Protein backbone atom coordinates (compact mmCIF):
# COMPACT_ATOMS: atom_id res chain seq x y z
CA UNK A 1 95.51 131.51 83.45
CA UNK A 2 93.24 129.22 85.48
CA UNK A 3 93.37 128.53 89.23
CA UNK A 4 95.28 125.28 88.86
CA UNK A 5 98.05 127.00 86.92
CA UNK A 6 98.31 129.74 89.53
CA UNK A 7 98.76 127.27 92.39
CA UNK A 8 102.60 127.14 92.17
CA UNK A 9 102.85 130.93 92.67
CA UNK A 10 100.52 130.87 95.68
CA UNK A 11 102.39 128.13 97.51
CA UNK A 12 105.67 130.03 97.73
CA UNK A 13 104.27 133.56 98.11
CA UNK A 14 100.94 133.65 99.97
CA UNK A 15 100.51 134.63 103.60
CA UNK A 16 101.32 131.43 105.54
CA UNK A 17 98.27 131.25 107.88
CA UNK A 18 95.99 131.84 104.90
CA UNK A 19 97.87 129.32 102.75
CA UNK A 20 97.91 126.63 105.45
CA UNK A 21 94.20 127.12 106.12
CA UNK A 22 93.45 126.89 102.40
CA UNK A 23 95.03 123.43 102.44
CA UNK A 24 94.07 122.37 105.97
CA UNK A 25 90.35 123.10 105.83
CA UNK A 26 89.68 120.96 102.73
CA UNK A 27 91.99 118.26 104.10
CA UNK A 28 90.12 118.31 107.43
CA UNK A 29 86.76 118.06 105.70
CA UNK A 30 88.16 115.23 103.58
CA UNK A 31 89.45 113.44 106.68
CA UNK A 32 86.04 113.84 108.32
CA UNK A 33 84.52 112.36 105.20
CA UNK A 34 86.88 109.38 105.52
CA UNK A 35 85.81 109.05 109.15
CA UNK A 36 82.26 108.63 107.91
CA UNK A 37 83.29 105.36 106.21
CA UNK A 38 84.11 103.87 109.62
CA UNK A 39 81.38 105.50 111.67
CA UNK A 40 78.42 104.91 109.35
CA UNK A 41 79.28 101.23 108.93
CA UNK A 42 79.36 100.68 112.67
CA UNK A 43 76.28 102.75 113.46
CA UNK A 44 74.16 100.81 110.98
CA UNK A 45 75.67 97.48 111.99
CA UNK A 46 75.38 98.26 115.70
CA UNK A 47 71.70 99.15 115.29
CA UNK A 48 70.86 96.18 113.09
CA UNK A 49 73.27 93.44 114.26
CA UNK A 50 74.14 94.50 117.80
CA UNK A 51 77.54 94.53 119.59
CA UNK A 52 78.59 91.24 117.94
CA UNK A 53 78.35 92.86 114.51
CA UNK A 54 80.59 95.75 115.62
CA UNK A 55 83.06 93.28 117.14
CA UNK A 56 83.15 91.28 113.88
CA UNK A 57 84.00 94.41 111.89
CA UNK A 58 86.65 95.34 114.47
CA UNK A 59 88.44 92.07 113.76
CA UNK A 60 89.00 93.26 110.19
CA UNK A 61 90.85 96.39 111.35
CA UNK A 62 94.37 94.91 111.37
CA UNK A 63 94.08 93.65 107.79
CA UNK A 64 92.64 96.96 106.65
CA UNK A 65 95.51 98.77 108.37
CA UNK A 66 98.01 96.67 106.40
CA UNK A 67 96.28 97.74 103.18
CA UNK A 68 96.40 101.35 104.32
CA UNK A 69 100.11 100.93 105.13
CA UNK A 70 100.86 100.11 101.50
CA UNK A 71 98.80 103.09 100.42
CA UNK A 72 100.88 105.34 102.68
CA UNK A 73 104.13 103.76 101.48
CA UNK A 74 103.55 105.01 97.94
CA UNK A 75 101.24 107.99 98.56
CA UNK A 76 103.51 109.80 101.01
CA UNK A 77 106.67 109.18 99.00
CA UNK A 78 104.98 109.99 95.70
CA UNK A 79 103.25 113.17 96.86
CA UNK A 80 106.45 114.37 98.54
CA UNK A 81 108.40 113.93 95.28
CA UNK A 82 105.65 115.58 93.23
CA UNK A 83 105.56 118.61 95.57
CA UNK A 84 109.34 119.07 95.61
CA UNK A 85 109.69 118.66 91.84
CA UNK A 86 106.83 121.07 91.15
CA UNK A 87 108.46 123.60 93.47
CA UNK A 88 111.67 123.22 91.47
CA UNK A 89 109.66 123.69 88.21
CA UNK A 90 110.54 120.20 86.95
CA UNK A 91 107.26 119.19 85.33
CA UNK A 92 108.43 116.14 83.39
CA UNK A 93 110.11 114.66 86.46
CA UNK A 94 106.98 115.37 88.52
CA UNK A 95 104.78 113.59 85.95
CA UNK A 96 107.12 110.63 85.95
CA UNK A 97 106.86 110.43 89.76
CA UNK A 98 103.07 110.75 89.49
CA UNK A 99 102.49 107.84 87.11
CA UNK A 100 104.97 105.63 88.96
CA UNK A 101 103.09 106.28 92.21
CA UNK A 102 99.71 105.43 90.70
CA UNK A 103 101.09 102.24 89.13
CA UNK A 104 102.64 101.16 92.45
CA UNK A 105 99.34 101.78 94.26
CA UNK A 106 97.41 99.68 91.75
CA UNK A 107 99.93 96.83 91.81
CA UNK A 108 100.08 96.73 95.61
CA UNK A 109 96.29 96.75 95.86
CA UNK A 110 95.91 93.85 93.43
CA UNK A 111 98.61 91.72 95.06
CA UNK A 112 97.35 92.46 98.57
CA UNK A 113 93.82 91.53 97.61
CA UNK A 114 94.80 88.20 96.06
CA UNK A 115 97.03 87.20 98.98
CA UNK A 116 94.53 88.30 101.61
CA UNK A 117 91.68 86.31 100.06
CA UNK A 118 93.73 83.13 100.46
CA UNK A 119 94.07 83.63 104.22
CA UNK A 120 90.86 85.33 105.38
CA UNK A 121 90.10 83.02 108.32
CA UNK A 122 93.72 82.89 109.46
CA UNK A 123 93.90 86.67 109.44
CA UNK A 124 90.78 86.92 111.58
CA UNK A 125 91.96 84.27 114.04
CA UNK A 126 95.27 86.08 114.34
CA UNK A 127 93.32 89.26 115.09
CA UNK A 128 91.55 87.60 118.03
CA UNK A 129 88.37 86.16 116.48
CA UNK A 130 86.28 83.77 118.57
CA UNK A 131 84.26 80.93 117.07
CA UNK A 132 81.14 83.02 117.50
CA UNK A 133 82.48 86.02 115.59
CA UNK A 134 84.44 84.19 112.88
CA UNK A 135 81.54 83.71 110.38
CA UNK A 136 80.49 87.38 110.45
CA UNK A 137 84.10 88.54 110.36
CA UNK A 138 84.75 86.34 107.31
CA UNK A 139 81.72 87.74 105.47
CA UNK A 140 82.91 91.29 106.07
CA UNK A 141 86.63 90.93 105.40
CA UNK A 142 86.24 88.87 102.21
CA UNK A 143 84.29 91.65 100.49
CA UNK A 144 86.69 94.32 101.79
CA UNK A 145 89.61 92.41 100.29
CA UNK A 146 87.89 92.00 96.94
CA UNK A 147 87.63 95.78 96.75
CA UNK A 148 91.14 96.21 98.14
CA UNK A 149 92.73 97.82 95.05
CA UNK A 150 90.10 100.57 95.01
CA UNK A 151 90.45 101.28 98.72
CA UNK A 152 94.23 101.34 98.53
CA UNK A 153 94.30 103.74 95.59
CA UNK A 154 91.70 106.12 97.03
CA UNK A 155 93.90 107.71 99.68
CA UNK A 156 96.95 107.74 97.43
CA UNK A 157 95.24 109.50 94.53
CA UNK A 158 93.76 112.08 96.92
CA UNK A 159 97.25 112.84 98.29
CA UNK A 160 98.60 113.29 94.77
CA UNK A 161 95.79 115.70 93.88
CA UNK A 162 96.62 117.70 97.00
CA UNK A 163 100.30 117.70 96.06
CA UNK A 164 99.31 119.32 92.76
CA UNK A 165 97.91 122.30 94.67
CA UNK A 166 94.22 121.30 94.51
CA UNK A 167 93.12 120.56 98.08
CA UNK A 168 89.50 121.42 97.34
CA UNK A 169 89.21 118.84 94.60
CA UNK A 170 90.83 116.25 96.87
CA UNK A 171 88.22 117.14 99.48
CA UNK A 172 85.45 116.84 96.91
CA UNK A 173 86.41 113.26 96.03
CA UNK A 174 86.44 112.26 99.70
CA UNK A 175 83.14 113.96 100.53
CA UNK A 176 81.43 112.46 97.49
CA UNK A 177 82.64 109.01 98.52
CA UNK A 178 81.39 109.52 102.07
CA UNK A 179 77.93 110.59 100.90
CA UNK A 180 77.77 107.56 98.62
CA UNK A 181 78.80 105.35 101.55
CA UNK A 182 75.97 106.62 103.75
CA UNK A 183 73.37 105.91 101.07
CA UNK A 184 74.82 102.51 100.17
CA UNK A 185 75.07 101.42 103.81
CA UNK A 186 71.45 102.37 104.37
CA UNK A 187 70.39 100.54 101.22
CA UNK A 188 72.35 97.32 101.81
CA UNK A 189 72.06 97.08 105.61
CA UNK A 190 68.64 98.55 106.36
CA UNK A 191 66.66 97.91 103.19
CA UNK A 192 68.21 94.65 101.99
CA UNK A 193 69.05 93.32 105.51
CA UNK A 194 72.56 92.27 104.44
CA UNK A 195 74.23 93.00 107.81
CA UNK A 196 78.04 93.11 107.80
CA UNK A 197 78.10 92.04 104.15
CA UNK A 198 76.13 95.18 103.28
CA UNK A 199 78.54 97.34 105.29
CA UNK A 200 81.53 95.94 103.40
CA UNK A 201 79.84 96.26 100.01
CA UNK A 202 78.80 99.86 100.66
CA UNK A 203 82.33 100.78 101.73
CA UNK A 204 83.99 99.17 98.71
CA UNK A 205 81.66 100.76 96.16
CA UNK A 206 81.95 104.21 97.75
CA UNK A 207 85.75 104.02 97.84
CA UNK A 208 85.73 103.00 94.18
CA UNK A 209 83.70 106.07 93.27
CA UNK A 210 86.12 108.36 95.13
CA UNK A 211 89.13 106.76 93.42
CA UNK A 212 87.69 107.22 89.94
CA UNK A 213 86.92 110.88 90.60
CA UNK A 214 90.47 111.40 91.84
CA UNK A 215 91.97 109.83 88.72
CA UNK A 216 89.71 111.96 86.52
CA UNK A 217 91.48 115.06 87.85
CA UNK A 218 94.70 114.16 86.07
CA UNK A 219 92.94 113.85 82.70
CA UNK A 220 91.46 117.35 82.86
CA UNK A 221 93.03 120.06 80.71
CA UNK A 222 93.39 122.36 83.73
CA UNK A 223 95.45 119.83 85.71
CA UNK A 224 99.04 121.03 86.33
CA UNK A 225 100.24 117.43 85.82
CA UNK A 226 98.88 114.76 83.49
CA UNK A 227 98.92 110.98 83.62
CA UNK A 228 101.27 109.87 80.85
CA UNK A 229 101.44 106.11 80.45
CA UNK A 230 104.48 106.48 78.20
CA UNK A 231 106.65 106.89 81.28
CA UNK A 232 105.73 103.33 82.29
CA UNK A 233 107.10 101.90 79.07
CA UNK A 234 110.52 102.41 80.63
CA UNK A 235 109.98 102.24 84.42
CA UNK A 236 112.63 104.04 86.45
CA UNK A 237 114.01 102.09 89.39
CA UNK A 238 115.54 105.27 90.79
CA UNK A 239 112.10 106.95 90.89
CA UNK A 240 110.61 103.93 92.64
CA UNK A 241 113.43 103.94 95.20
CA UNK A 242 112.91 107.64 95.96
CA UNK A 243 109.18 107.12 96.43
CA UNK A 244 109.61 104.10 98.70
CA UNK A 245 112.44 105.62 100.74
CA UNK A 246 110.30 108.59 101.82
CA UNK A 247 107.13 106.60 102.52
CA UNK A 248 108.86 103.63 104.14
CA UNK A 249 108.87 105.15 107.63
CA UNK A 250 105.12 105.62 107.73
CA UNK A 251 104.69 102.19 106.15
CA UNK A 252 106.59 100.60 109.04
CA UNK A 253 104.55 102.66 111.50
CA UNK A 254 101.27 101.42 110.04
CA UNK A 255 102.50 97.81 110.07
CA UNK A 256 103.49 98.22 113.70
CA UNK A 257 100.08 99.77 114.36
CA UNK A 258 98.55 96.67 112.78
CA UNK A 259 100.51 94.52 115.21
CA UNK A 260 99.46 96.85 118.02
CA UNK A 261 95.80 96.38 117.06
CA UNK A 262 96.29 92.61 117.07
CA UNK A 263 97.76 92.84 120.56
CA UNK A 264 95.00 95.16 121.76
CA UNK A 265 92.27 92.95 120.25
CA UNK A 266 93.67 89.83 121.91
CA UNK A 267 94.33 91.50 125.27
CA UNK A 268 90.92 93.18 125.21
CA UNK A 269 89.19 89.89 124.46
CA UNK A 270 91.06 88.27 127.35
CA UNK A 271 89.93 90.91 129.84
CA UNK A 272 86.64 92.11 128.31
CA UNK A 273 85.33 89.42 125.95
CA UNK A 274 83.18 90.31 122.94
CA UNK A 275 81.85 93.40 124.73
CA UNK A 276 85.40 94.67 125.12
CA UNK A 277 86.05 94.12 121.41
CA UNK A 278 82.87 96.04 120.60
CA UNK A 279 84.05 98.91 122.82
CA UNK A 280 87.40 98.99 121.00
CA UNK A 281 85.56 99.03 117.66
CA UNK A 282 83.35 101.93 118.72
CA UNK A 283 86.34 103.82 120.11
CA UNK A 284 88.21 103.33 116.83
CA UNK A 285 85.26 104.75 114.92
CA UNK A 286 84.86 107.78 117.19
CA UNK A 287 88.63 108.20 117.09
CA UNK A 288 88.49 108.75 113.34
CA UNK A 289 86.12 111.64 114.04
CA UNK A 290 88.00 113.28 116.92
CA UNK A 291 91.62 112.30 116.26
CA UNK A 292 92.15 111.89 112.52
CA UNK A 293 90.85 115.29 111.25
CA UNK A 294 93.55 117.10 113.21
CA UNK A 295 96.12 114.93 111.41
CA UNK A 296 94.84 116.58 108.24
CA UNK A 297 96.67 119.76 109.25
CA UNK A 298 99.98 117.91 109.22
CA UNK A 299 98.99 116.26 105.96
CA UNK A 300 98.06 119.67 104.51
CA UNK A 301 101.39 121.17 105.57
CA UNK A 302 103.34 118.49 103.71
CA UNK A 303 102.89 119.79 100.13
CA UNK A 304 103.55 123.36 101.34
CA UNK A 305 106.72 122.23 103.08
CA UNK A 306 107.90 120.21 100.08
CA UNK A 307 107.08 122.93 97.54
CA UNK A 308 108.84 125.73 99.44
CA UNK A 309 111.83 123.51 100.11
CA UNK A 310 112.04 122.78 96.37
CA UNK A 311 111.69 126.51 95.68
CA UNK A 312 114.65 127.29 97.98
CA UNK A 313 112.68 129.03 100.75
CA UNK A 314 113.51 127.21 104.01
CA UNK A 315 112.26 130.12 106.14
CA UNK A 316 108.74 129.46 104.85
CA UNK A 317 109.15 125.78 105.64
CA UNK A 318 109.85 126.66 109.29
CA UNK A 319 106.88 129.03 109.34
CA UNK A 320 104.56 126.34 107.95
CA UNK A 321 105.73 123.72 110.46
CA UNK A 322 105.30 125.95 113.51
CA UNK A 323 101.92 127.18 112.32
CA UNK A 324 100.75 123.60 111.76
CA UNK A 325 101.84 122.58 115.28
CA UNK A 326 99.79 125.40 116.79
CA UNK A 327 96.74 124.48 114.69
CA UNK A 328 96.87 120.76 115.53
CA UNK A 329 97.36 121.38 119.24
CA UNK A 330 94.32 123.67 119.33
CA UNK A 331 92.20 121.10 117.49
CA UNK A 332 93.29 118.27 119.79
CA UNK A 333 92.35 120.35 122.84
CA UNK A 334 88.85 120.61 121.39
CA UNK A 335 88.81 116.83 120.85
CA UNK A 336 89.89 116.31 124.45
CA UNK A 337 86.99 118.39 125.77
CA UNK A 338 84.46 116.57 123.55
CA UNK A 339 85.78 113.13 124.54
CA UNK A 340 85.70 113.90 128.25
CA UNK A 341 82.26 115.53 128.30
CA UNK A 342 80.21 113.70 125.67
CA UNK A 343 81.50 110.12 125.59
CA UNK A 344 78.20 108.46 126.70
CA UNK A 345 76.24 110.26 124.00
CA UNK A 346 78.79 109.34 121.33
CA UNK A 347 78.77 105.64 122.25
CA UNK A 348 74.95 105.54 122.31
CA UNK A 349 74.99 106.43 118.61
CA UNK A 350 76.21 102.86 118.06
CA UNK A 351 74.56 100.95 120.90
CA UNK A 352 72.80 101.52 124.23
CA UNK A 353 73.92 98.18 125.64
CA UNK A 354 74.61 98.85 129.39
CA UNK A 355 77.62 96.50 129.51
CA UNK A 356 79.13 98.20 126.48
CA UNK A 357 78.66 101.64 128.04
CA UNK A 358 80.22 100.45 131.32
CA UNK A 359 83.39 99.45 129.46
CA UNK A 360 83.51 102.10 126.73
CA UNK A 361 82.78 105.34 128.62
CA UNK A 362 85.67 105.24 131.14
CA UNK A 363 87.91 103.66 128.52
CA UNK A 364 87.51 106.46 126.00
CA UNK A 365 88.05 109.11 128.67
CA UNK A 366 91.32 107.46 129.68
CA UNK A 367 92.41 107.14 126.06
CA UNK A 368 92.02 110.85 125.32
CA UNK A 369 93.86 112.03 128.44
CA UNK A 370 97.06 112.75 126.48
CA UNK A 371 95.67 113.72 123.08
CA UNK A 372 96.69 117.40 123.39
CA UNK A 373 100.34 116.33 123.07
CA UNK A 374 99.92 114.51 119.75
CA UNK A 375 100.11 117.49 117.39
CA UNK A 376 103.86 117.97 117.85
CA UNK A 377 105.00 114.48 116.70
CA UNK A 378 102.40 114.30 113.93
CA UNK A 379 103.48 117.60 112.31
CA UNK A 380 107.18 116.87 112.83
CA UNK A 381 106.85 113.50 111.08
CA UNK A 382 104.85 115.05 108.22
CA UNK A 383 107.45 117.79 107.79
CA UNK A 384 110.32 115.28 107.69
CA UNK A 385 108.43 113.24 105.08
CA UNK A 386 107.63 116.33 103.02
CA UNK A 387 111.32 117.25 102.98
CA UNK A 388 112.35 113.75 101.93
CA UNK A 389 114.20 113.08 105.22
CA UNK A 390 113.01 109.49 105.28
CA UNK A 391 115.35 108.01 107.89
CA UNK A 392 114.53 110.61 110.54
CA UNK A 393 110.80 110.34 109.86
CA UNK A 394 110.96 106.57 110.20
CA UNK A 395 113.05 106.69 113.39
CA UNK A 396 110.64 109.06 115.12
CA UNK A 397 107.56 107.22 113.85
CA UNK A 398 108.72 103.72 114.74
CA UNK A 399 110.12 104.68 118.13
CA UNK A 400 106.90 106.46 119.06
CA UNK A 401 104.81 103.49 117.99
CA UNK A 402 106.88 100.51 119.05
CA UNK A 403 108.65 101.73 122.17
CA UNK A 404 105.94 103.92 123.65
CA UNK A 405 102.81 101.95 122.61
CA UNK A 406 103.70 98.26 122.46
CA UNK A 407 105.26 98.03 125.91
CA UNK A 408 102.36 99.74 127.76
CA UNK A 409 99.79 97.67 125.83
CA UNK A 410 101.50 94.47 126.99
CA UNK A 411 102.40 95.49 130.55
CA UNK A 412 99.63 97.77 131.87
CA UNK A 413 96.70 95.32 131.39
CA UNK A 414 98.43 92.87 133.74
CA UNK A 415 97.96 95.39 136.56
CA UNK A 416 94.84 97.32 135.53
CA UNK A 417 92.87 94.89 133.36
CA UNK A 418 91.08 96.40 130.38
CA UNK A 419 91.74 99.92 131.69
CA UNK A 420 95.42 99.17 131.14
CA UNK A 421 94.67 98.75 127.43
CA UNK A 422 93.11 102.20 127.32
CA UNK A 423 95.99 103.73 129.30
CA UNK A 424 98.55 102.62 126.70
CA UNK A 425 97.29 105.36 124.34
CA UNK A 426 98.01 108.46 126.49
CA UNK A 427 101.31 106.90 127.57
CA UNK A 428 102.39 106.74 123.92
CA UNK A 429 101.05 110.23 123.17
CA UNK A 430 102.99 111.96 125.94
CA UNK A 431 106.26 110.06 125.52
CA UNK A 432 106.15 110.46 121.73
CA UNK A 433 105.70 114.21 122.09
CA UNK A 434 108.75 114.51 124.34
CA UNK A 435 110.87 112.66 121.78
CA UNK A 436 109.53 114.79 118.91
CA UNK A 437 110.92 117.94 120.55
CA UNK A 438 114.48 116.75 119.86
CA UNK A 439 113.72 115.94 116.21
CA UNK A 440 112.01 119.29 115.66
CA UNK A 441 114.92 121.28 117.11
CA UNK A 442 117.34 119.37 114.88
CA UNK A 443 115.14 119.99 111.83
CA UNK A 444 114.88 123.73 112.42
CA UNK A 445 118.63 123.98 112.93
CA UNK A 446 119.18 122.24 109.59
CA UNK A 447 116.68 124.48 107.79
CA UNK A 448 118.57 127.54 109.00
CA UNK A 449 121.86 126.20 107.62
CA UNK A 450 123.21 126.57 104.03
CA UNK A 451 122.66 122.83 103.49
CA UNK A 452 118.90 123.35 103.35
CA UNK A 453 119.24 125.34 100.12
CA UNK A 454 120.51 122.27 98.26
CA UNK A 455 117.13 120.84 97.25
CA UNK A 456 117.15 117.91 94.85
């Protein structure tokens, strides 16, 4: 019996700290690899095209977030269903959920790409583009949209591989894509002098490679689930509804985050001009390195939570959730220390422009003031999604994003200028954590009740 076939027994029997680490470490490495996509692009562009190049790429963030939102919509719902059904030993139902998820990802990527290409300039203007930055922003975003289906599928396929109990392979696809991105960025930007076009092309090709490697997993003989196109001959609306219902909360959160980025870009440009936009772009890149990897722990806990819930072991679900909260909090404390002590050095990786440093250094320190509180809401949301409790996950996610981020981003800059933009982040982090306490207590109470044993 190979390691893939043994995975179901490990997930409902192994020591929890060991099990969570076995999922979290590959997921963290994979998340770091994804961070490389953002960071490498901006380092090369910042060195070769200056702050304006970074600002132009930053203007594409909102559109890219919308694409990522659709990926989350299907990836979170699909991986949750796959984990629960595997835990319940329902292989055929799990394979049906798998192929439906992949088909939805592909369809959404194709439609999003076609629609986006029709409105490239309008999307950039909506995101706060100036006349100076619009040409470079158009060059970058057009190529990103052409490769949209590959980018959208990449994250989704990786989540499905992880849901099948193979976090290391999921990590491998992400790391391989990141390494390819570094080489391709160097080749297109430095050697061929393609600027932002080269950054976009390198990103698209690298994401395509990662997606293909992820899909290859499901055609291997050792895979616990296989891609069976026969299930698409008679698509199941009920399966699609279950997938969308679980992922819809995070989908709304990402769309609201897109709107938040539009607000932040426009407010930042008003108070800080192109230099302010460059600072936001650099912060967003560094943020993927310091903030996103810790989210991987919550992401790693999701298949464990779903599997043990499906296997009728709610006590292990509680253990996984509490362990994940402790891990994420510890990691975010490390990120806090790095952000407060080494911000100038991190920003100089992208540019040594004095004006950019004057805006970015204090801004990033303000932004990370509340990061230690973020682990609690992140893990709570992931646990709710993994258990299929879509409405609660959406309520917590949307309230945290809309109520505690939008209002500060609109109000604080009127009193504190660009520093008010930065301050909206810790405000949302702290308030969101307070709200998550109530959801977590309610969740644990439910898991201890007889109702939790009725997995479906």
